[in-house]
Amino acid sequence: MSDQVEGSIQEEEPLTSVVLSHDGRYLLTNLQCHTVHLWDLGSTLGSSPSDLAAALDHGEPDPLTALPTAPVMQYTANAGRQGRFVLRSGFGGSDGRFVVAGSEDCKVYLWHRDSGDCLMTLEGHTGTVNAVSWNPAYPAMLASASDDKTIRIWMAPASLRRGQGHQDGLALRGFGSAASPLGQV
């Protein structure tokens, strides 16, 4: 692969995981200090492969040569304490406008991607929450996996699933105390 091109982003702490948004525009990096960074890779990288090729053919600069030097948003869980485990985060809700992450404090954190506001904290696990995954077909549902040997499926309350109280396609008060896990596996 002699024509391979690469770019790099420098983080401030050791990384535990990384995930790209479905449209390729955003990148989440999980840091060992229970911090998640949101990087905006730009609309060119979020384009379809044919649109990206056309932009490069028309003299647009290669987006890998102009990667961001700082995150656009920072989300903190577990008071930013130094972590010991690999934790994974993800995008979810309508149009990927929310960020979800597990934590060593046995909780799942949900933030609004653009404002950075922590919208809710989901409690129910009794061990470190290592992984989370939003249902891509049903934005009112997400799953979390924990060292307590359970997978919990979280669902927004019925009134919120029907469209009442929604902002950006997902309720801002959803899951929380009104919605304990739908079940555990």
N, C-alpha and C. Protein backbone atom coordinates (compact mmCIF):
# COMPACT_ATOMS: atom_id res chain seq x y z
N MET A 1 0.84 -1.18 0.00
CA MET A 1 0.00 0.00 0.00
C MET A 1 0.88 1.24 0.00
N SER A 2 1.60 1.44 -1.08
CA SER A 2 2.53 2.56 -1.15
C SER A 2 1.82 3.91 -1.20
N ASP A 3 0.55 3.95 -1.58
CA ASP A 3 -0.16 5.22 -1.65
C ASP A 3 -1.01 5.49 -0.41
N GLN A 4 -0.77 4.74 0.66
CA GLN A 4 -1.52 4.90 1.89
C GLN A 4 -1.26 6.28 2.48
N VAL A 5 -2.33 6.92 2.94
CA VAL A 5 -2.26 8.22 3.59
C VAL A 5 -2.79 8.06 5.00
N GLU A 6 -2.16 8.70 5.92
CA GLU A 6 -2.66 8.64 7.30
C GLU A 6 -2.53 10.00 7.95
N GLY A 7 -3.33 10.21 8.94
CA GLY A 7 -3.25 11.40 9.76
C GLY A 7 -3.31 10.94 11.20
N SER A 8 -3.05 11.83 12.13
CA SER A 8 -3.12 11.43 13.53
C SER A 8 -3.68 12.57 14.38
N ILE A 9 -4.26 12.15 15.49
CA ILE A 9 -4.78 13.06 16.50
C ILE A 9 -4.06 12.73 17.78
N GLN A 10 -3.58 13.74 18.46
CA GLN A 10 -2.84 13.54 19.71
C GLN A 10 -3.78 13.77 20.90
N GLU A 11 -3.86 12.80 21.80
CA GLU A 11 -4.64 12.95 23.01
C GLU A 11 -3.72 13.28 24.18
N GLU A 12 -4.33 13.68 25.30
CA GLU A 12 -3.57 14.10 26.48
C GLU A 12 -3.37 13.00 27.51
N GLU A 13 -4.14 11.93 27.41
CA GLU A 13 -4.10 10.82 28.37
C GLU A 13 -4.10 9.51 27.59
N PRO A 14 -3.76 8.39 28.24
CA PRO A 14 -3.86 7.10 27.56
C PRO A 14 -5.29 6.83 27.10
N LEU A 15 -5.41 6.26 25.91
CA LEU A 15 -6.72 5.95 25.32
C LEU A 15 -7.15 4.52 25.67
N THR A 16 -8.47 4.35 25.85
CA THR A 16 -8.98 3.00 26.07
C THR A 16 -9.84 2.52 24.92
N SER A 17 -10.45 3.43 24.16
CA SER A 17 -11.23 3.02 23.00
C SER A 17 -11.54 4.22 22.12
N VAL A 18 -12.02 3.90 20.92
CA VAL A 18 -12.34 4.93 19.94
C VAL A 18 -13.53 4.44 19.12
N VAL A 19 -14.42 5.36 18.72
CA VAL A 19 -15.56 5.00 17.88
C VAL A 19 -15.90 6.17 16.96
N LEU A 20 -16.23 5.86 15.72
CA LEU A 20 -16.66 6.85 14.74
C LEU A 20 -18.18 6.89 14.69
N SER A 21 -18.74 8.08 14.44
CA SER A 21 -20.18 8.20 14.24
C SER A 21 -20.57 7.50 12.94
N HIS A 22 -21.84 7.18 12.81
CA HIS A 22 -22.32 6.47 11.62
C HIS A 22 -22.05 7.25 10.34
N ASP A 23 -22.07 8.58 10.42
CA ASP A 23 -21.83 9.38 9.21
C ASP A 23 -20.35 9.70 8.99
N GLY A 24 -19.50 9.27 9.93
CA GLY A 24 -18.06 9.47 9.78
C GLY A 24 -17.56 10.86 10.14
N ARG A 25 -18.44 11.74 10.55
CA ARG A 25 -18.02 13.10 10.84
C ARG A 25 -17.38 13.23 12.23
N TYR A 26 -17.87 12.49 13.19
CA TYR A 26 -17.41 12.63 14.57
C TYR A 26 -16.65 11.40 15.04
N LEU A 27 -15.73 11.63 15.97
CA LEU A 27 -14.93 10.59 16.58
C LEU A 27 -15.01 10.76 18.09
N LEU A 28 -15.28 9.67 18.81
CA LEU A 28 -15.25 9.67 20.27
C LEU A 28 -14.00 8.93 20.71
N THR A 29 -13.25 9.53 21.63
CA THR A 29 -12.11 8.85 22.23
C THR A 29 -12.36 8.73 23.73
N ASN A 30 -12.17 7.53 24.26
CA ASN A 30 -12.29 7.31 25.70
C ASN A 30 -10.89 7.36 26.28
N LEU A 31 -10.73 8.19 27.31
CA LEU A 31 -9.45 8.32 27.98
C LEU A 31 -9.49 7.55 29.30
N GLN A 32 -8.33 7.14 29.75
CA GLN A 32 -8.24 6.36 30.98
C GLN A 32 -8.76 7.11 32.20
N CYS A 33 -8.84 8.42 32.13
CA CYS A 33 -9.28 9.24 33.27
C CYS A 33 -10.80 9.45 33.28
N HIS A 34 -11.57 8.53 32.68
CA HIS A 34 -13.04 8.60 32.64
C HIS A 34 -13.53 9.85 31.91
N THR A 35 -12.82 10.26 30.91
CA THR A 35 -13.22 11.39 30.09
C THR A 35 -13.40 10.89 28.67
N VAL A 36 -14.44 11.39 28.02
CA VAL A 36 -14.71 11.08 26.62
C VAL A 36 -14.56 12.38 25.85
N HIS A 37 -13.78 12.35 24.77
CA HIS A 37 -13.62 13.53 23.91
C HIS A 37 -14.37 13.33 22.61
N LEU A 38 -15.00 14.41 22.15
CA LEU A 38 -15.66 14.43 20.85
C LEU A 38 -14.80 15.25 19.90
N TRP A 39 -14.43 14.65 18.78
CA TRP A 39 -13.63 15.31 17.75
C TRP A 39 -14.49 15.47 16.51
N ASP A 40 -14.51 16.67 15.94
CA ASP A 40 -15.24 16.92 14.70
C ASP A 40 -14.25 16.78 13.56
N LEU A 41 -14.40 15.71 12.79
CA LEU A 41 -13.48 15.43 11.70
C LEU A 41 -13.83 16.21 10.44
N GLY A 42 -14.93 16.94 10.48
CA GLY A 42 -15.31 17.75 9.33
C GLY A 42 -16.28 17.05 8.42
N SER A 43 -16.98 17.83 7.64
CA SER A 43 -18.01 17.29 6.76
C SER A 43 -17.41 16.50 5.60
N THR A 44 -16.19 16.79 5.20
CA THR A 44 -15.59 16.05 4.08
C THR A 44 -15.40 14.59 4.44
N LEU A 45 -14.89 14.30 5.62
CA LEU A 45 -14.72 12.90 6.03
C LEU A 45 -16.04 12.21 6.26
N GLY A 46 -17.09 12.98 6.53
CA GLY A 46 -18.41 12.41 6.71
C GLY A 46 -19.15 12.21 5.40
N SER A 47 -18.51 12.54 4.29
CA SER A 47 -19.14 12.39 2.97
C SER A 47 -19.10 10.94 2.53
N SER A 48 -19.87 10.67 1.50
CA SER A 48 -19.81 9.33 0.90
C SER A 48 -18.45 9.19 0.23
N PRO A 49 -17.99 7.96 0.01
CA PRO A 49 -16.69 7.78 -0.66
C PRO A 49 -16.62 8.46 -2.03
N SER A 50 -17.73 8.44 -2.77
CA SER A 50 -17.71 9.08 -4.09
C SER A 50 -17.63 10.61 -3.97
N ASP A 51 -18.31 11.19 -2.96
CA ASP A 51 -18.23 12.64 -2.74
C ASP A 51 -16.83 13.04 -2.29
N LEU A 52 -16.22 12.22 -1.44
CA LEU A 52 -14.86 12.49 -0.99
C LEU A 52 -13.89 12.43 -2.17
N ALA A 53 -14.03 11.41 -3.01
CA ALA A 53 -13.16 11.28 -4.19
C ALA A 53 -13.35 12.47 -5.13
N ALA A 54 -14.59 12.90 -5.34
CA ALA A 54 -14.86 14.04 -6.22
C ALA A 54 -14.24 15.31 -5.65
N ALA A 55 -14.33 15.51 -4.33
CA ALA A 55 -13.73 16.70 -3.71
C ALA A 55 -12.22 16.70 -3.90
N LEU A 56 -11.60 15.55 -3.72
CA LEU A 56 -10.14 15.45 -3.90
C LEU A 56 -9.77 15.67 -5.37
N ASP A 57 -10.59 15.16 -6.29
CA ASP A 57 -10.33 15.34 -7.72
C ASP A 57 -10.44 16.81 -8.13
N HIS A 58 -11.26 17.58 -7.41
CA HIS A 58 -11.43 18.99 -7.73
C HIS A 58 -10.48 19.89 -6.95
N GLY A 59 -9.43 19.30 -6.39
CA GLY A 59 -8.39 20.09 -5.74
C GLY A 59 -8.61 20.42 -4.28
N GLU A 60 -9.67 19.86 -3.68
CA GLU A 60 -9.89 20.08 -2.25
C GLU A 60 -8.72 19.47 -1.49
N PRO A 61 -8.31 20.07 -0.37
CA PRO A 61 -7.21 19.48 0.41
C PRO A 61 -7.63 18.14 1.01
N ASP A 62 -6.67 17.24 1.15
CA ASP A 62 -6.93 15.94 1.76
C ASP A 62 -7.32 16.18 3.22
N PRO A 63 -8.51 15.72 3.64
CA PRO A 63 -8.94 15.99 5.01
C PRO A 63 -8.03 15.39 6.07
N LEU A 64 -7.25 14.37 5.72
CA LEU A 64 -6.34 13.78 6.71
C LEU A 64 -5.16 14.69 7.01
N THR A 65 -4.93 15.70 6.19
CA THR A 65 -3.85 16.64 6.47
C THR A 65 -4.32 17.80 7.33
N ALA A 66 -5.62 17.85 7.61
CA ALA A 66 -6.17 18.96 8.39
C ALA A 66 -7.05 18.44 9.53
N LEU A 67 -6.60 17.40 10.20
CA LEU A 67 -7.36 16.86 11.33
C LEU A 67 -7.35 17.86 12.48
N PRO A 68 -8.38 17.84 13.32
CA PRO A 68 -8.45 18.80 14.43
C PRO A 68 -7.31 18.62 15.43
N THR A 69 -6.97 19.70 16.10
CA THR A 69 -5.91 19.66 17.11
C THR A 69 -6.47 19.66 18.53
N ALA A 70 -7.78 19.83 18.65
CA ALA A 70 -8.41 19.82 19.98
C ALA A 70 -9.83 19.29 19.84
N PRO A 71 -10.32 18.61 20.87
CA PRO A 71 -11.70 18.13 20.82
C PRO A 71 -12.68 19.30 20.89
N VAL A 72 -13.88 19.10 20.34
CA VAL A 72 -14.90 20.15 20.39
C VAL A 72 -15.76 20.02 21.64
N MET A 73 -15.72 18.85 22.30
CA MET A 73 -16.52 18.65 23.50
C MET A 73 -15.84 17.62 24.38
N GLN A 74 -16.07 17.76 25.69
CA GLN A 74 -15.52 16.81 26.66
C GLN A 74 -16.64 16.39 27.60
N TYR A 75 -16.74 15.10 27.84
CA TYR A 75 -17.75 14.55 28.74
C TYR A 75 -17.00 13.78 29.83
N THR A 76 -17.40 13.98 31.09
CA THR A 76 -16.68 13.35 32.19
C THR A 76 -17.63 12.49 33.02
N ALA A 77 -17.19 11.28 33.35
CA ALA A 77 -17.93 10.36 34.20
C ALA A 77 -17.08 10.04 35.42
N ASN A 78 -17.72 9.56 36.47
CA ASN A 78 -17.01 9.12 37.66
C ASN A 78 -16.05 10.19 38.19
N ALA A 79 -16.46 11.43 38.09
CA ALA A 79 -15.69 12.59 38.58
C ALA A 79 -14.27 12.64 38.00
N GLY A 80 -14.07 12.03 36.85
CA GLY A 80 -12.76 12.10 36.19
C GLY A 80 -11.67 11.30 36.88
N ARG A 81 -12.04 10.39 37.78
CA ARG A 81 -11.03 9.58 38.47
C ARG A 81 -10.28 8.68 37.50
N GLN A 82 -9.04 8.42 37.80
CA GLN A 82 -8.23 7.53 36.97
C GLN A 82 -8.84 6.15 36.93
N GLY A 83 -8.98 5.59 35.75
CA GLY A 83 -9.61 4.30 35.60
C GLY A 83 -8.62 3.16 35.45
N ARG A 84 -9.13 1.94 35.60
CA ARG A 84 -8.29 0.76 35.46
C ARG A 84 -8.73 -0.13 34.31
N PHE A 85 -9.92 0.10 33.76
CA PHE A 85 -10.50 -0.81 32.77
C PHE A 85 -10.71 -0.12 31.43
N VAL A 86 -10.89 -0.93 30.40
CA VAL A 86 -11.25 -0.42 29.09
C VAL A 86 -12.75 -0.17 29.09
N LEU A 87 -13.14 1.06 28.83
CA LEU A 87 -14.55 1.43 28.77
C LEU A 87 -14.85 1.93 27.37
N ARG A 88 -16.04 1.60 26.87
CA ARG A 88 -16.41 1.99 25.52
C ARG A 88 -17.62 2.91 25.55
N SER A 89 -17.65 3.83 24.61
CA SER A 89 -18.76 4.76 24.49
C SER A 89 -19.38 4.62 23.11
N GLY A 90 -20.42 5.38 22.85
CA GLY A 90 -21.05 5.32 21.54
C GLY A 90 -21.97 6.49 21.31
N PHE A 91 -22.38 6.62 20.05
CA PHE A 91 -23.35 7.62 19.64
C PHE A 91 -24.71 6.97 19.60
N GLY A 92 -25.77 7.75 19.80
CA GLY A 92 -27.10 7.17 19.70
C GLY A 92 -28.19 8.20 19.64
N GLY A 93 -29.41 7.69 19.73
CA GLY A 93 -30.58 8.54 19.58
C GLY A 93 -30.76 8.92 18.12
N SER A 94 -31.71 9.76 17.89
CA SER A 94 -32.00 10.22 16.53
C SER A 94 -30.82 11.01 16.00
N ASP A 95 -30.32 10.65 14.86
CA ASP A 95 -29.21 11.34 14.19
C ASP A 95 -27.91 11.33 15.00
N GLY A 96 -27.75 10.40 15.94
CA GLY A 96 -26.51 10.30 16.71
C GLY A 96 -26.22 11.53 17.54
N ARG A 97 -27.23 12.20 18.02
CA ARG A 97 -27.04 13.45 18.77
C ARG A 97 -26.76 13.25 20.25
N PHE A 98 -26.61 12.00 20.66
CA PHE A 98 -26.34 11.72 22.05
C PHE A 98 -25.10 10.85 22.18
N VAL A 99 -24.42 10.98 23.31
CA VAL A 99 -23.23 10.19 23.60
C VAL A 99 -23.54 9.41 24.87
N VAL A 100 -23.21 8.13 24.85
CA VAL A 100 -23.44 7.27 26.00
C VAL A 100 -22.13 6.56 26.34
N ALA A 101 -21.88 6.40 27.64
CA ALA A 101 -20.65 5.73 28.08
C ALA A 101 -20.89 5.03 29.41
N GLY A 102 -20.17 3.94 29.61
CA GLY A 102 -20.19 3.24 30.89
C GLY A 102 -19.11 3.83 31.79
N SER A 103 -19.08 3.35 33.03
CA SER A 103 -18.12 3.89 33.98
C SER A 103 -17.80 2.86 35.06
N GLU A 104 -16.67 3.07 35.73
CA GLU A 104 -16.28 2.20 36.83
C GLU A 104 -17.12 2.43 38.08
N ASP A 105 -17.95 3.48 38.11
CA ASP A 105 -18.83 3.70 39.25
C ASP A 105 -20.17 2.97 39.09
N CYS A 106 -20.21 2.01 38.16
CA CYS A 106 -21.37 1.13 37.93
C CYS A 106 -22.54 1.84 37.25
N LYS A 107 -22.31 2.99 36.63
CA LYS A 107 -23.38 3.76 36.01
C LYS A 107 -23.16 3.90 34.51
N VAL A 108 -24.26 4.23 33.84
CA VAL A 108 -24.24 4.59 32.43
C VAL A 108 -24.56 6.07 32.36
N TYR A 109 -23.74 6.82 31.61
CA TYR A 109 -23.92 8.27 31.48
C TYR A 109 -24.40 8.60 30.07
N LEU A 110 -25.32 9.55 29.99
CA LEU A 110 -25.87 9.99 28.72
C LEU A 110 -25.75 11.50 28.62
N TRP A 111 -25.08 11.97 27.55
CA TRP A 111 -24.89 13.40 27.32
C TRP A 111 -25.47 13.81 25.98
N HIS A 112 -25.84 15.09 25.87
CA HIS A 112 -26.20 15.65 24.57
C HIS A 112 -24.89 15.92 23.84
N ARG A 113 -24.75 15.41 22.63
CA ARG A 113 -23.50 15.51 21.89
C ARG A 113 -23.04 16.96 21.74
N ASP A 114 -23.94 17.87 21.38
CA ASP A 114 -23.52 19.23 21.04
C ASP A 114 -23.39 20.16 22.24
N SER A 115 -24.28 20.04 23.22
CA SER A 115 -24.22 20.95 24.37
C SER A 115 -23.26 20.44 25.44
N GLY A 116 -23.04 19.11 25.48
CA GLY A 116 -22.20 18.53 26.52
C GLY A 116 -22.92 18.31 27.83
N ASP A 117 -24.20 18.67 27.90
CA ASP A 117 -24.96 18.49 29.13
C ASP A 117 -25.14 17.01 29.45
N CYS A 118 -24.89 16.64 30.71
CA CYS A 118 -25.18 15.29 31.16
C CYS A 118 -26.69 15.24 31.40
N LEU A 119 -27.39 14.47 30.57
CA LEU A 119 -28.84 14.45 30.60
C LEU A 119 -29.38 13.46 31.61
N MET A 120 -28.66 12.36 31.81
CA MET A 120 -29.11 11.37 32.77
C MET A 120 -28.00 10.40 33.11
N THR A 121 -28.17 9.78 34.25
CA THR A 121 -27.28 8.73 34.72
C THR A 121 -28.16 7.53 35.03
N LEU A 122 -27.83 6.40 34.42
CA LEU A 122 -28.62 5.19 34.62
C LEU A 122 -27.94 4.31 35.66
N GLU A 123 -28.68 3.92 36.67
CA GLU A 123 -28.15 3.09 37.74
C GLU A 123 -28.85 1.75 37.74
N GLY A 124 -28.13 0.72 38.12
CA GLY A 124 -28.70 -0.62 38.20
C GLY A 124 -27.63 -1.70 38.18
N HIS A 125 -26.50 -1.41 37.55
CA HIS A 125 -25.40 -2.38 37.56
C HIS A 125 -24.71 -2.35 38.92
N THR A 126 -24.05 -3.46 39.27
CA THR A 126 -23.30 -3.52 40.53
C THR A 126 -21.80 -3.70 40.28
N GLY A 127 -21.39 -3.60 39.02
CA GLY A 127 -19.99 -3.68 38.65
C GLY A 127 -19.68 -2.66 37.57
N THR A 128 -18.42 -2.53 37.23
CA THR A 128 -17.99 -1.60 36.18
C THR A 128 -18.80 -1.83 34.91
N VAL A 129 -19.28 -0.75 34.30
CA VAL A 129 -19.99 -0.83 33.03
C VAL A 129 -18.96 -0.63 31.93
N ASN A 130 -18.62 -1.71 31.24
CA ASN A 130 -17.54 -1.69 30.25
C ASN A 130 -17.95 -1.28 28.86
N ALA A 131 -19.18 -1.60 28.49
CA ALA A 131 -19.59 -1.35 27.11
C ALA A 131 -21.05 -0.93 27.06
N VAL A 132 -21.36 -0.10 26.09
CA VAL A 132 -22.72 0.36 25.84
C VAL A 132 -22.97 0.33 24.34
N SER A 133 -24.21 0.13 23.98
CA SER A 133 -24.55 0.12 22.57
C SER A 133 -25.98 0.59 22.40
N TRP A 134 -26.16 1.58 21.51
CA TRP A 134 -27.47 2.11 21.23
C TRP A 134 -28.09 1.29 20.11
N ASN A 135 -29.37 1.02 20.21
CA ASN A 135 -30.07 0.29 19.16
C ASN A 135 -30.21 1.20 17.94
N PRO A 136 -29.56 0.88 16.82
CA PRO A 136 -29.61 1.77 15.66
C PRO A 136 -30.98 1.83 15.00
N ALA A 137 -31.81 0.83 15.21
CA ALA A 137 -33.14 0.82 14.59
C ALA A 137 -34.22 1.41 15.50
N TYR A 138 -33.92 1.52 16.79
CA TYR A 138 -34.92 1.99 17.75
C TYR A 138 -34.24 2.93 18.74
N PRO A 139 -34.23 4.23 18.46
CA PRO A 139 -33.43 5.17 19.25
C PRO A 139 -33.85 5.35 20.71
N ALA A 140 -34.92 4.70 21.15
CA ALA A 140 -35.32 4.80 22.54
C ALA A 140 -34.79 3.63 23.37
N MET A 141 -33.87 2.82 22.78
CA MET A 141 -33.36 1.64 23.48
C MET A 141 -31.84 1.58 23.42
N LEU A 142 -31.23 1.23 24.54
CA LEU A 142 -29.79 0.99 24.55
C LEU A 142 -29.48 -0.18 25.47
N ALA A 143 -28.29 -0.74 25.30
CA ALA A 143 -27.85 -1.88 26.10
C ALA A 143 -26.55 -1.52 26.79
N SER A 144 -26.33 -2.09 27.97
CA SER A 144 -25.07 -1.90 28.69
C SER A 144 -24.60 -3.25 29.23
N ALA A 145 -23.28 -3.44 29.25
CA ALA A 145 -22.68 -4.68 29.74
C ALA A 145 -21.74 -4.35 30.89
N SER A 146 -21.74 -5.21 31.89
CA SER A 146 -21.02 -4.90 33.12
C SER A 146 -20.23 -6.09 33.65
N ASP A 147 -19.26 -5.78 34.51
CA ASP A 147 -18.52 -6.81 35.23
C ASP A 147 -19.41 -7.57 36.21
N ASP A 148 -20.63 -7.08 36.44
CA ASP A 148 -21.55 -7.82 37.31
C ASP A 148 -22.20 -9.00 36.57
N LYS A 149 -21.70 -9.26 35.36
CA LYS A 149 -22.12 -10.39 34.53
C LYS A 149 -23.53 -10.23 33.97
N THR A 150 -23.99 -8.99 33.84
CA THR A 150 -25.31 -8.75 33.25
C THR A 150 -25.20 -7.82 32.05
N ILE A 151 -26.16 -7.97 31.17
CA ILE A 151 -26.40 -7.03 30.09
C ILE A 151 -27.77 -6.45 30.38
N ARG A 152 -27.84 -5.17 30.51
CA ARG A 152 -29.12 -4.52 30.79
C ARG A 152 -29.61 -3.81 29.54
N ILE A 153 -30.90 -3.97 29.27
CA ILE A 153 -31.55 -3.30 28.15
C ILE A 153 -32.37 -2.16 28.73
N TRP A 154 -32.08 -0.95 28.31
CA TRP A 154 -32.74 0.24 28.84
C TRP A 154 -33.69 0.79 27.79
N MET A 155 -34.89 1.16 28.24
CA MET A 155 -35.90 1.69 27.35
C MET A 155 -36.49 2.95 27.96
N ALA A 156 -36.67 3.98 27.14
CA ALA A 156 -37.34 5.19 27.62
C ALA A 156 -38.78 4.84 27.99
N PRO A 157 -39.38 5.56 28.95
CA PRO A 157 -40.77 5.29 29.33
C PRO A 157 -41.71 5.39 28.12
N ALA A 158 -42.85 4.70 28.21
CA ALA A 158 -43.80 4.62 27.08
C ALA A 158 -44.22 6.00 26.59
N SER A 159 -44.47 6.95 27.48
CA SER A 159 -44.91 8.28 27.05
C SER A 159 -43.85 8.96 26.20
N LEU A 160 -42.59 8.69 26.50
CA LEU A 160 -41.51 9.30 25.74
C LEU A 160 -41.32 8.61 24.40
N ARG A 161 -41.55 7.29 24.36
CA ARG A 161 -41.44 6.56 23.09
C ARG A 161 -42.52 6.99 22.12
N ARG A 162 -43.68 7.48 22.64
CA ARG A 162 -44.77 7.93 21.77
C ARG A 162 -44.52 9.32 21.22
N GLY A 163 -43.44 9.97 21.64
CA GLY A 163 -43.11 11.28 21.09
C GLY A 163 -43.36 12.44 22.02
N GLN A 164 -43.87 12.18 23.22
CA GLN A 164 -44.10 13.27 24.15
C GLN A 164 -42.80 13.58 24.89
N GLY A 165 -42.44 14.83 24.98
CA GLY A 165 -41.27 15.24 25.73
C GLY A 165 -39.96 15.02 25.01
N HIS A 166 -40.00 14.84 23.71
CA HIS A 166 -38.78 14.60 22.96
C HIS A 166 -38.10 15.89 22.54
N GLN A 167 -36.82 15.87 22.51
CA GLN A 167 -36.00 16.92 21.92
C GLN A 167 -34.89 16.20 21.19
N ASP A 168 -34.64 16.56 19.96
CA ASP A 168 -33.61 15.91 19.14
C ASP A 168 -33.87 14.42 19.01
N GLY A 169 -35.12 14.00 19.05
CA GLY A 169 -35.44 12.61 18.78
C GLY A 169 -35.33 11.68 19.97
N LEU A 170 -34.97 12.17 21.14
CA LEU A 170 -34.93 11.31 22.32
C LEU A 170 -35.28 12.17 23.52
N ALA A 171 -36.03 11.62 24.43
CA ALA A 171 -36.43 12.37 25.60
C ALA A 171 -35.23 12.77 26.43
N LEU A 172 -35.28 13.96 26.96
CA LEU A 172 -34.16 14.41 27.79
C LEU A 172 -34.28 13.88 29.22
N ARG A 173 -35.44 13.44 29.61
CA ARG A 173 -35.58 12.87 30.94
C ARG A 173 -35.80 11.37 30.88
N GLY A 174 -35.98 10.82 29.74
CA GLY A 174 -36.20 9.41 29.47
C GLY A 174 -35.81 8.42 30.52
N PHE A 175 -34.91 7.59 30.17
CA PHE A 175 -34.47 6.45 30.93
C PHE A 175 -34.47 6.63 32.44
N GLY A 176 -33.70 7.52 32.99
CA GLY A 176 -33.56 7.85 34.40
C GLY A 176 -34.31 7.00 35.40
N SER A 177 -34.77 7.63 36.45
CA SER A 177 -35.41 6.90 37.55
C SER A 177 -36.77 6.35 37.13
N ALA A 178 -37.42 6.97 36.16
CA ALA A 178 -38.73 6.50 35.73
C ALA A 178 -38.60 5.22 34.90
N ALA A 179 -37.41 4.91 34.46
CA ALA A 179 -37.24 3.72 33.62
C ALA A 179 -36.10 2.88 34.12
N SER A 180 -36.42 1.92 34.94
CA SER A 180 -35.41 0.96 35.32
C SER A 180 -35.14 0.07 34.11
N PRO A 181 -34.14 -0.76 34.17
CA PRO A 181 -33.85 -1.57 32.99
C PRO A 181 -35.08 -2.39 32.56
N LEU A 182 -35.24 -2.51 31.26
CA LEU A 182 -36.31 -3.32 30.70
C LEU A 182 -36.09 -4.77 31.11
N GLY A 183 -34.85 -5.14 31.18
CA GLY A 183 -34.53 -6.51 31.56
C GLY A 183 -33.04 -6.71 31.62
N GLN A 184 -32.64 -7.84 32.05
CA GLN A 184 -31.23 -8.15 32.04
C GLN A 184 -31.04 -9.56 31.50
N VAL A 185 -29.91 -9.75 30.87
CA VAL A 185 -29.61 -11.02 30.25
C VAL A 185 -28.52 -11.70 31.06
